[in-house]
C-alpha cells in the first residue's frame, strides 16, 4: 500500500486496524442487532478512515484538521456503540477491551496529528 499520501500515514493504518476489530465485533452481535447496531458501528468506523483519506489530499492544514475532526466524531460514535453493546451485555467487557485499547490509541494519534498540523 502506498500509492497515495494518506496510505502511508500511521494514523490511517491504525484506523484500518480499528475497522477490522469493529467488523469482528459486529459479527458477534445477536441477529436483530446485525442489521441495526452492527451497521451503525461499521459505518462509523469506516468513516474514520475515509475522513483521514479525504482530508489528506492536497488540502491545507486547516482543511485537513477539519477532516480529522470529522474522523474523531466518527470515532466517538463507535465508542457510544461499543458502550451500548457492553450495556446490553452482547459482548463481555473483557472481550471489548482490545477494541477499546486500540480505539484509545487511535484517538490519541488523531488528536496528536491535529496538534502537529496546528503548530
C-alpha atoms as a PDB file:
ATOM      1  CA  UNK A   1       0.000   0.000   0.000  1.00  0.00           C
ATOM      2  CA  UNK A   2       1.271   3.491  -0.643  1.00  0.00           C
ATOM      3  CA  UNK A   3       0.222   4.952  -3.970  1.00  0.00           C
ATOM      4  CA  UNK A   4      -1.486   7.876  -2.245  1.00  0.00           C
ATOM      5  CA  UNK A   5      -0.201  10.119   0.549  1.00  0.00           C
ATOM      6  CA  UNK A   6      -2.779   9.029   3.118  1.00  0.00           C
ATOM      7  CA  UNK A   7      -1.899   5.343   2.700  1.00  0.00           C
ATOM      8  CA  UNK A   8       1.498   5.926   4.289  1.00  0.00           C
ATOM      9  CA  UNK A   9       0.066   7.748   7.308  1.00  0.00           C
ATOM     10  CA  UNK A  10       0.374   5.734  10.507  1.00  0.00           C
ATOM     11  CA  UNK A  11      -2.956   7.095  11.705  1.00  0.00           C
ATOM     12  CA  UNK A  12      -4.641   5.787   8.555  1.00  0.00           C
ATOM     13  CA  UNK A  13      -3.109   2.333   9.033  1.00  0.00           C
ATOM     14  CA  UNK A  14      -4.257   2.372  12.654  1.00  0.00           C
ATOM     15  CA  UNK A  15      -7.769   3.321  11.514  1.00  0.00           C
ATOM     16  CA  UNK A  16      -7.791   0.314   9.161  1.00  0.00           C
ATOM     17  CA  UNK A  17      -6.799  -1.960  12.056  1.00  0.00           C
ATOM     18  CA  UNK A  18      -9.569  -0.452  14.173  1.00  0.00           C
ATOM     19  CA  UNK A  19     -12.099  -1.090  11.387  1.00  0.00           C
ATOM     20  CA  UNK A  20     -11.011  -4.749  11.275  1.00  0.00           C
ATOM     21  CA  UNK A  21     -11.655  -5.046  15.012  1.00  0.00           C
ATOM     22  CA  UNK A  22     -15.037  -3.363  14.643  1.00  0.00           C
ATOM     23  CA  UNK A  23     -16.030  -5.801  11.871  1.00  0.00           C
ATOM     24  CA  UNK A  24     -15.039  -8.704  14.121  1.00  0.00           C
ATOM     25  CA  UNK A  25     -17.049  -7.210  16.986  1.00  0.00           C
ATOM     26  CA  UNK A  26     -20.077  -6.662  14.747  1.00  0.00           C
ATOM     27  CA  UNK A  27     -20.181 -10.318  13.706  1.00  0.00           C
ATOM     28  CA  UNK A  28     -20.620 -11.277  17.379  1.00  0.00           C
ATOM     29  CA  UNK A  29     -23.823  -9.283  17.812  1.00  0.00           C
ATOM     30  CA  UNK A  30     -27.134 -11.127  18.076  1.00  0.00           C
ATOM     31  CA  UNK A  31     -29.305 -11.488  14.988  1.00  0.00           C
ATOM     32  CA  UNK A  32     -31.585  -8.447  15.302  1.00  0.00           C
ATOM     33  CA  UNK A  33     -28.636  -6.155  16.023  1.00  0.00           C
ATOM     34  CA  UNK A  34     -26.730  -7.281  12.939  1.00  0.00           C
ATOM     35  CA  UNK A  35     -28.988  -5.037  10.861  1.00  0.00           C
ATOM     36  CA  UNK A  36     -29.070  -2.093  13.250  1.00  0.00           C
ATOM     37  CA  UNK A  37     -26.226  -1.599  15.687  1.00  0.00           C
ATOM     38  CA  UNK A  38     -23.806  -3.638  13.581  1.00  0.00           C
ATOM     39  CA  UNK A  39     -24.433  -1.479  10.539  1.00  0.00           C
ATOM     40  CA  UNK A  40     -24.135   1.713  12.585  1.00  0.00           C
ATOM     41  CA  UNK A  41     -20.813   0.844  14.233  1.00  0.00           C
ATOM     42  CA  UNK A  42     -19.306  -0.379  10.951  1.00  0.00           C
ATOM     43  CA  UNK A  43     -20.360   2.777   9.089  1.00  0.00           C
ATOM     44  CA  UNK A  44     -18.962   4.992  11.862  1.00  0.00           C
ATOM     45  CA  UNK A  45     -15.643   3.116  11.948  1.00  0.00           C
ATOM     46  CA  UNK A  46     -15.318   3.190   8.172  1.00  0.00           C
ATOM     47  CA  UNK A  47     -15.959   6.925   8.222  1.00  0.00           C
ATOM     48  CA  UNK A  48     -12.836   7.401  10.345  1.00  0.00           C
ATOM     49  CA  UNK A  49     -10.514   6.111   7.613  1.00  0.00           C
ATOM     50  CA  UNK A  50     -12.494   7.812   4.845  1.00  0.00           C
ATOM     51  CA  UNK A  51     -12.173  11.211   6.513  1.00  0.00           C
ATOM     52  CA  UNK A  52      -8.455  10.735   7.128  1.00  0.00           C
ATOM     53  CA  UNK A  53      -8.018   9.892   3.448  1.00  0.00           C
ATOM     54  CA  UNK A  54     -10.187  12.714   2.155  1.00  0.00           C
ATOM     55  CA  UNK A  55      -8.523  15.312   4.356  1.00  0.00           C
ATOM     56  CA  UNK A  56      -5.007  14.420   3.279  1.00  0.00           C
ATOM     57  CA  UNK A  57      -5.431  15.006  -0.420  1.00  0.00           C
ATOM     58  CA  UNK A  58      -3.867  18.317  -1.371  1.00  0.00           C
ATOM     59  CA  UNK A  59      -5.693  20.195   1.336  1.00  0.00           C
ATOM     60  CA  UNK A  60      -4.446  22.999   3.520  1.00  0.00           C
ATOM     61  CA  UNK A  61      -3.562  22.125   7.110  1.00  0.00           C
ATOM     62  CA  UNK A  62      -6.758  23.854   8.231  1.00  0.00           C
ATOM     63  CA  UNK A  63      -8.849  21.714   5.881  1.00  0.00           C
ATOM     64  CA  UNK A  64      -7.028  18.556   6.901  1.00  0.00           C
ATOM     65  CA  UNK A  65      -7.717  19.391  10.568  1.00  0.00           C
ATOM     66  CA  UNK A  66     -11.401  19.753   9.707  1.00  0.00           C
ATOM     67  CA  UNK A  67     -11.488  16.242   8.211  1.00  0.00           C
ATOM     68  CA  UNK A  68      -9.531  14.830  11.156  1.00  0.00           C
ATOM     69  CA  UNK A  69     -12.137  16.425  13.408  1.00  0.00           C
ATOM     70  CA  UNK A  70     -14.836  14.588  11.460  1.00  0.00           C
ATOM     71  CA  UNK A  71     -12.827  11.373  11.885  1.00  0.00           C
ATOM     72  CA  UNK A  72     -12.775  11.983  15.656  1.00  0.00           C
ATOM     73  CA  UNK A  73     -16.532  12.467  15.691  1.00  0.00           C
ATOM     74  CA  UNK A  74     -16.978   9.178  13.882  1.00  0.00           C
ATOM     75  CA  UNK A  75     -14.616   7.511  16.330  1.00  0.00           C
ATOM     76  CA  UNK A  76     -16.667   8.812  19.257  1.00  0.00           C
ATOM     77  CA  UNK A  77     -19.763   7.395  17.586  1.00  0.00           C
ATOM     78  CA  UNK A  78     -18.104   3.968  17.636  1.00  0.00           C
ATOM     79  CA  UNK A  79     -17.346   4.437  21.342  1.00  0.00           C
ATOM     80  CA  UNK A  80     -21.033   5.106  22.002  1.00  0.00           C
ATOM     81  CA  UNK A  81     -21.951   1.984  20.014  1.00  0.00           C
ATOM     82  CA  UNK A  82     -19.460  -0.087  21.997  1.00  0.00           C
ATOM     83  CA  UNK A  83     -20.894   1.313  25.225  1.00  0.00           C
ATOM     84  CA  UNK A  84     -24.329   0.193  24.112  1.00  0.00           C
ATOM     85  CA  UNK A  85     -23.004  -3.245  23.174  1.00  0.00           C
ATOM     86  CA  UNK A  86     -21.480  -3.524  26.634  1.00  0.00           C
ATOM     87  CA  UNK A  87     -24.582  -2.186  28.413  1.00  0.00           C
ATOM     88  CA  UNK A  88     -26.802  -4.703  26.611  1.00  0.00           C
ATOM     89  CA  UNK A  89     -24.357  -7.498  27.512  1.00  0.00           C
ATOM     90  CA  UNK A  90     -23.996  -8.526  23.879  1.00  0.00           C
ATOM     91  CA  UNK A  91     -20.235  -8.885  24.359  1.00  0.00           C
ATOM     92  CA  UNK A  92     -18.326  -9.109  27.629  1.00  0.00           C
ATOM     93  CA  UNK A  93     -16.239  -6.241  28.969  1.00  0.00           C
ATOM     94  CA  UNK A  94     -13.117  -8.400  28.682  1.00  0.00           C
ATOM     95  CA  UNK A  95     -13.796  -9.134  25.021  1.00  0.00           C
ATOM     96  CA  UNK A  96     -14.291  -5.421  24.332  1.00  0.00           C
ATOM     97  CA  UNK A  97     -11.043  -4.359  25.995  1.00  0.00           C
ATOM     98  CA  UNK A  98      -8.903  -4.990  22.899  1.00  0.00           C
ATOM     99  CA  UNK A  99     -11.004  -2.795  20.635  1.00  0.00           C
ATOM    100  CA  UNK A 100     -11.248  -0.140  23.348  1.00  0.00           C
ATOM    101  CA  UNK A 101      -7.460  -0.110  23.789  1.00  0.00           C
ATOM    102  CA  UNK A 102      -6.877   0.183  20.053  1.00  0.00           C
ATOM    103  CA  UNK A 103      -9.505   2.925  19.925  1.00  0.00           C
ATOM    104  CA  UNK A 104      -7.805   4.925  22.679  1.00  0.00           C
ATOM    105  CA  UNK A 105      -4.559   4.741  20.722  1.00  0.00           C
ATOM    106  CA  UNK A 106      -6.320   5.822  17.530  1.00  0.00           C
ATOM    107  CA  UNK A 107      -7.969   8.750  19.336  1.00  0.00           C
ATOM    108  CA  UNK A 108      -4.612   9.824  20.730  1.00  0.00           C
ATOM    109  CA  UNK A 109      -2.882   9.589  17.324  1.00  0.00           C
ATOM    110  CA  UNK A 110      -5.593  11.581  15.550  1.00  0.00           C
ATOM    111  CA  UNK A 111      -5.530  14.335  18.186  1.00  0.00           C
ATOM    112  CA  UNK A 112      -1.699  14.437  18.101  1.00  0.00           C
ATOM    113  CA  UNK A 113      -1.785  14.686  14.304  1.00  0.00           C
ATOM    114  CA  UNK A 114      -4.209  17.598  14.568  1.00  0.00           C
ATOM    115  CA  UNK A 115      -1.925  19.308  17.087  1.00  0.00           C
ATOM    116  CA  UNK A 116       1.091  18.900  14.811  1.00  0.00           C
ATOM    117  CA  UNK A 117      -0.846  20.443  11.930  1.00  0.00           C
ATOM    118  CA  UNK A 118      -1.926  23.371  14.117  1.00  0.00           C
ATOM    119  CA  UNK A 119       1.615  24.134  15.324  1.00  0.00           C
END
